[in-house]
Amino acid sequence: MLRLTRQGWNNIIIYGVLALFFLFYIAPNHLAMLRSKELQQVIAPGQRLLELHFPRAVLKQAGPVWRANPALPLDAEVAAQAVAAWQQLQLPAAQVNERLLAQICVVELTLSGEQQRQRWVLLLDQQQYFLQGVAGFYPLDAAQVNQLCPPMLR
């Protein structure tokens, strides 16, 4: 029969605590980091969206609300949804697209901490929508396209 000494029990406890630490802290953080690398955020954490430039208007933040310039009969909720859609947008890995695409809308984002605007183009190929950025093409659905560029701002 195998008997453990006091030092042997201490080693088992130490290694057990290290294994639990790895299991409950390090592994989930590492997996979350891998998952976040799969999705690219348009607006990095810590950045703020200052302006949205659409073909028909520019949305600027004026205190807690967003205002359109030139003034359009724009519902405040539509503007808030467009801003929220851009702030929360996470994109999968970019794709290469060799097909001919029809341009729907061009949106330029002014972000805090950046000197130049980010340019994003919403495109349509048959029934599939895409968002084109510097890195490539990202597939979208029709609902996302209407949130990112509301029809009244195109």
C-alpha atoms as a PDB file:
ATOM      1  CA  MET A   1       0.000   0.000   0.000  1.00  0.00           C
ATOM      2  CA  LEU A   2       1.207   3.466  -0.876  1.00  0.00           C
ATOM      3  CA  ARG A   3       1.423   5.939   1.976  1.00  0.00           C
ATOM      4  CA  LEU A   4       2.016   9.606   1.454  1.00  0.00           C
ATOM      5  CA  THR A   5       4.119  11.691   3.735  1.00  0.00           C
ATOM      6  CA  ARG A   6       3.185  15.145   4.830  1.00  0.00           C
ATOM      7  CA  GLN A   7       5.416  16.562   2.080  1.00  0.00           C
ATOM      8  CA  GLY A   8       3.683  14.334  -0.510  1.00  0.00           C
ATOM      9  CA  TRP A   9       0.240  15.608   0.557  1.00  0.00           C
ATOM     10  CA  ASN A  10       1.488  19.185   0.384  1.00  0.00           C
ATOM     11  CA  ASN A  11       2.722  18.593  -3.172  1.00  0.00           C
ATOM     12  CA  ILE A  12      -0.667  17.112  -4.169  1.00  0.00           C
ATOM     13  CA  ILE A  13      -2.491  20.116  -2.727  1.00  0.00           C
ATOM     14  CA  ILE A  14      -0.154  22.596  -4.430  1.00  0.00           C
ATOM     15  CA  TYR A  15      -0.475  20.907  -7.825  1.00  0.00           C
ATOM     16  CA  GLY A  16      -4.234  20.591  -7.357  1.00  0.00           C
ATOM     17  CA  VAL A  17      -4.586  24.322  -6.654  1.00  0.00           C
ATOM     18  CA  LEU A  18      -2.435  25.124  -9.711  1.00  0.00           C
ATOM     19  CA  ALA A  19      -4.578  22.832 -11.870  1.00  0.00           C
ATOM     20  CA  LEU A  20      -7.774  24.487 -10.603  1.00  0.00           C
ATOM     21  CA  PHE A  21      -6.278  27.945 -11.208  1.00  0.00           C
ATOM     22  CA  PHE A  22      -5.433  26.938 -14.770  1.00  0.00           C
ATOM     23  CA  LEU A  23      -8.835  25.348 -15.329  1.00  0.00           C
ATOM     24  CA  PHE A  24     -10.929  28.239 -13.992  1.00  0.00           C
ATOM     25  CA  TYR A  25      -8.847  31.306 -14.856  1.00  0.00           C
ATOM     26  CA  ILE A  26      -6.203  30.860 -17.508  1.00  0.00           C
ATOM     27  CA  ALA A  27      -8.063  28.513 -19.891  1.00  0.00           C
ATOM     28  CA  PRO A  28     -11.294  30.604 -20.159  1.00  0.00           C
ATOM     29  CA  ASN A  29      -9.312  33.841 -20.638  1.00  0.00           C
ATOM     30  CA  HIS A  30      -7.186  32.214 -23.327  1.00  0.00           C
ATOM     31  CA  LEU A  31     -10.267  30.845 -25.112  1.00  0.00           C
ATOM     32  CA  ALA A  32     -11.990  34.245 -24.942  1.00  0.00           C
ATOM     33  CA  MET A  33      -8.893  35.863 -26.421  1.00  0.00           C
ATOM     34  CA  LEU A  34      -8.850  33.333 -29.276  1.00  0.00           C
ATOM     35  CA  ARG A  35     -12.553  33.925 -29.958  1.00  0.00           C
ATOM     36  CA  SER A  36     -12.073  37.698 -29.993  1.00  0.00           C
ATOM     37  CA  LYS A  37      -9.282  37.328 -32.563  1.00  0.00           C
ATOM     38  CA  GLU A  38     -11.728  35.569 -34.898  1.00  0.00           C
ATOM     39  CA  LEU A  39     -14.024  38.612 -34.876  1.00  0.00           C
ATOM     40  CA  GLN A  40     -12.723  42.038 -35.758  1.00  0.00           C
ATOM     41  CA  GLN A  41     -14.319  45.089 -34.194  1.00  0.00           C
ATOM     42  CA  VAL A  42     -14.748  48.166 -36.356  1.00  0.00           C
ATOM     43  CA  ILE A  43     -14.395  50.456 -33.343  1.00  0.00           C
ATOM     44  CA  ALA A  44     -11.630  49.380 -30.986  1.00  0.00           C
ATOM     45  CA  PRO A  45     -12.259  49.337 -27.231  1.00  0.00           C
ATOM     46  CA  GLY A  46     -11.508  52.759 -25.793  1.00  0.00           C
ATOM     47  CA  GLN A  47     -12.334  54.577 -29.026  1.00  0.00           C
ATOM     48  CA  ARG A  48     -15.417  56.737 -29.487  1.00  0.00           C
ATOM     49  CA  LEU A  49     -17.445  57.292 -32.586  1.00  0.00           C
ATOM     50  CA  LEU A  50     -17.528  61.042 -33.253  1.00  0.00           C
ATOM     51  CA  GLU A  51     -19.173  61.340 -36.683  1.00  0.00           C
ATOM     52  CA  LEU A  52     -20.862  59.191 -39.298  1.00  0.00           C
ATOM     53  CA  HIS A  53     -20.676  60.485 -42.886  1.00  0.00           C
ATOM     54  CA  PHE A  54     -23.475  59.108 -45.077  1.00  0.00           C
ATOM     55  CA  PRO A  55     -24.169  60.126 -48.715  1.00  0.00           C
ATOM     56  CA  ARG A  56     -27.095  62.395 -47.745  1.00  0.00           C
ATOM     57  CA  ALA A  57     -26.105  63.596 -44.269  1.00  0.00           C
ATOM     58  CA  VAL A  58     -23.505  63.651 -41.526  1.00  0.00           C
ATOM     59  CA  LEU A  59     -24.474  62.469 -38.057  1.00  0.00           C
ATOM     60  CA  LYS A  60     -22.599  64.334 -35.318  1.00  0.00           C
ATOM     61  CA  GLN A  61     -22.835  63.818 -31.610  1.00  0.00           C
ATOM     62  CA  ALA A  62     -24.294  66.830 -29.807  1.00  0.00           C
ATOM     63  CA  GLY A  63     -24.215  65.950 -26.142  1.00  0.00           C
ATOM     64  CA  PRO A  64     -26.226  62.797 -25.521  1.00  0.00           C
ATOM     65  CA  VAL A  65     -28.047  62.923 -28.902  1.00  0.00           C
ATOM     66  CA  TRP A  66     -26.988  62.620 -32.533  1.00  0.00           C
ATOM     67  CA  ARG A  67     -27.948  65.337 -35.011  1.00  0.00           C
ATOM     68  CA  ALA A  68     -28.060  65.198 -38.806  1.00  0.00           C
ATOM     69  CA  ASN A  69     -26.417  67.902 -40.893  1.00  0.00           C
ATOM     70  CA  PRO A  70     -28.130  68.965 -43.140  1.00  0.00           C
ATOM     71  CA  ALA A  71     -31.256  68.570 -41.080  1.00  0.00           C
ATOM     72  CA  LEU A  72     -33.377  65.729 -42.412  1.00  0.00           C
ATOM     73  CA  PRO A  73     -36.728  64.469 -41.207  1.00  0.00           C
ATOM     74  CA  LEU A  74     -34.756  61.765 -39.462  1.00  0.00           C
ATOM     75  CA  ASP A  75     -36.233  59.886 -36.565  1.00  0.00           C
ATOM     76  CA  ALA A  76     -33.903  60.084 -33.543  1.00  0.00           C
ATOM     77  CA  GLU A  77     -34.361  56.357 -33.007  1.00  0.00           C
ATOM     78  CA  VAL A  78     -33.113  55.582 -36.540  1.00  0.00           C
ATOM     79  CA  ALA A  79     -29.996  57.672 -35.938  1.00  0.00           C
ATOM     80  CA  ALA A  80     -29.402  55.995 -32.571  1.00  0.00           C
ATOM     81  CA  GLN A  81     -29.809  52.543 -34.146  1.00  0.00           C
ATOM     82  CA  ALA A  82     -27.323  53.378 -36.901  1.00  0.00           C
ATOM     83  CA  VAL A  83     -24.779  54.626 -34.371  1.00  0.00           C
ATOM     84  CA  ALA A  84     -25.304  51.581 -32.134  1.00  0.00           C
ATOM     85  CA  ALA A  85     -24.996  49.238 -35.127  1.00  0.00           C
ATOM     86  CA  TRP A  86     -21.580  50.692 -36.018  1.00  0.00           C
ATOM     87  CA  GLN A  87     -20.383  50.729 -32.401  1.00  0.00           C
ATOM     88  CA  GLN A  88     -21.286  47.072 -31.850  1.00  0.00           C
ATOM     89  CA  LEU A  89     -20.352  45.740 -35.286  1.00  0.00           C
ATOM     90  CA  GLN A  90     -18.066  42.725 -35.163  1.00  0.00           C
ATOM     91  CA  LEU A  91     -16.820  41.298 -38.433  1.00  0.00           C
ATOM     92  CA  PRO A  92     -15.647  37.767 -39.237  1.00  0.00           C
ATOM     93  CA  ALA A  93     -12.421  37.147 -41.113  1.00  0.00           C
ATOM     94  CA  ALA A  94     -12.167  39.096 -44.343  1.00  0.00           C
ATOM     95  CA  GLN A  95     -12.856  37.372 -47.644  1.00  0.00           C
ATOM     96  CA  VAL A  96     -11.458  37.953 -51.093  1.00  0.00           C
ATOM     97  CA  ASN A  97     -14.194  38.783 -53.577  1.00  0.00           C
ATOM     98  CA  GLU A  98     -13.532  38.790 -57.321  1.00  0.00           C
ATOM     99  CA  ARG A  99     -17.176  39.264 -58.363  1.00  0.00           C
ATOM    100  CA  LEU A 100     -18.774  42.429 -59.651  1.00  0.00           C
ATOM    101  CA  LEU A 101     -20.590  44.198 -56.847  1.00  0.00           C
ATOM    102  CA  ALA A 102     -23.151  47.000 -56.883  1.00  0.00           C
ATOM    103  CA  GLN A 103     -22.433  49.826 -54.449  1.00  0.00           C
ATOM    104  CA  ILE A 104     -25.271  50.605 -52.034  1.00  0.00           C
ATOM    105  CA  CYS A 105     -23.784  53.146 -49.657  1.00  0.00           C
ATOM    106  CA  VAL A 106     -20.469  54.641 -48.560  1.00  0.00           C
ATOM    107  CA  VAL A 107     -20.072  55.430 -44.861  1.00  0.00           C
ATOM    108  CA  GLU A 108     -17.083  57.173 -43.350  1.00  0.00           C
ATOM    109  CA  LEU A 109     -16.461  56.985 -39.614  1.00  0.00           C
ATOM    110  CA  THR A 110     -14.602  59.612 -37.621  1.00  0.00           C
ATOM    111  CA  LEU A 111     -13.147  57.987 -34.517  1.00  0.00           C
ATOM    112  CA  SER A 112     -11.371  59.445 -31.536  1.00  0.00           C
ATOM    113  CA  GLY A 113      -7.608  59.028 -31.690  1.00  0.00           C
ATOM    114  CA  GLU A 114      -7.493  58.713 -35.493  1.00  0.00           C
ATOM    115  CA  GLN A 115      -6.610  61.495 -37.900  1.00  0.00           C
ATOM    116  CA  GLN A 116      -8.248  60.002 -40.983  1.00  0.00           C
ATOM    117  CA  ARG A 117     -11.753  58.683 -41.419  1.00  0.00           C
ATOM    118  CA  GLN A 118     -12.407  54.988 -41.862  1.00  0.00           C
ATOM    119  CA  ARG A 119     -14.142  54.333 -45.171  1.00  0.00           C
ATOM    120  CA  TRP A 120     -16.633  51.453 -45.413  1.00  0.00           C
ATOM    121  CA  VAL A 121     -18.592  50.556 -48.542  1.00  0.00           C
ATOM    122  CA  LEU A 122     -21.804  48.519 -48.461  1.00  0.00           C
ATOM    123  CA  LEU A 123     -22.112  46.361 -51.571  1.00  0.00           C
ATOM    124  CA  LEU A 124     -24.569  43.894 -53.103  1.00  0.00           C
ATOM    125  CA  ASP A 125     -23.817  40.840 -55.240  1.00  0.00           C
ATOM    126  CA  GLN A 126     -26.997  39.065 -56.379  1.00  0.00           C
ATOM    127  CA  GLN A 127     -28.562  38.246 -52.995  1.00  0.00           C
ATOM    128  CA  GLN A 128     -25.465  38.582 -50.759  1.00  0.00           C
ATOM    129  CA  TYR A 129     -24.500  41.846 -49.081  1.00  0.00           C
ATOM    130  CA  PHE A 130     -20.903  42.735 -48.248  1.00  0.00           C
ATOM    131  CA  LEU A 131     -19.129  45.403 -46.234  1.00  0.00           C
ATOM    132  CA  GLN A 132     -15.837  46.404 -47.837  1.00  0.00           C
ATOM    133  CA  GLY A 133     -13.055  47.730 -45.682  1.00  0.00           C
ATOM    134  CA  VAL A 134      -9.313  48.038 -46.092  1.00  0.00           C
ATOM    135  CA  ALA A 135      -8.760  44.367 -45.215  1.00  0.00           C
ATOM    136  CA  GLY A 136     -11.339  42.876 -47.594  1.00  0.00           C
ATOM    137  CA  PHE A 137     -15.000  41.957 -47.851  1.00  0.00           C
ATOM    138  CA  TYR A 138     -17.209  40.936 -44.931  1.00  0.00           C
ATOM    139  CA  PRO A 139     -20.565  39.197 -45.527  1.00  0.00           C
ATOM    140  CA  LEU A 140     -23.669  40.872 -44.052  1.00  0.00           C
ATOM    141  CA  ASP A 141     -27.400  40.280 -44.114  1.00  0.00           C
ATOM    142  CA  ALA A 142     -30.065  42.741 -45.298  1.00  0.00           C
ATOM    143  CA  ALA A 143     -31.069  43.745 -41.746  1.00  0.00           C
ATOM    144  CA  GLN A 144     -27.485  44.693 -40.887  1.00  0.00           C
ATOM    145  CA  VAL A 145     -27.170  46.728 -44.080  1.00  0.00           C
ATOM    146  CA  ASN A 146     -30.330  48.700 -43.255  1.00  0.00           C
ATOM    147  CA  GLN A 147     -29.044  49.363 -39.733  1.00  0.00           C
ATOM    148  CA  LEU A 148     -25.569  50.422 -40.852  1.00  0.00           C
ATOM    149  CA  CYS A 149     -26.879  52.691 -43.623  1.00  0.00           C
ATOM    150  CA  PRO A 150     -30.579  53.514 -43.209  1.00  0.00           C
ATOM    151  CA  PRO A 151     -32.376  53.970 -46.562  1.00  0.00           C
ATOM    152  CA  MET A 152     -33.189  57.629 -45.825  1.00  0.00           C
ATOM    153  CA  LEU A 153     -29.474  58.439 -45.502  1.00  0.00           C
ATOM    154  CA  ARG A 154     -28.342  56.752 -48.761  1.00  0.00           C
END
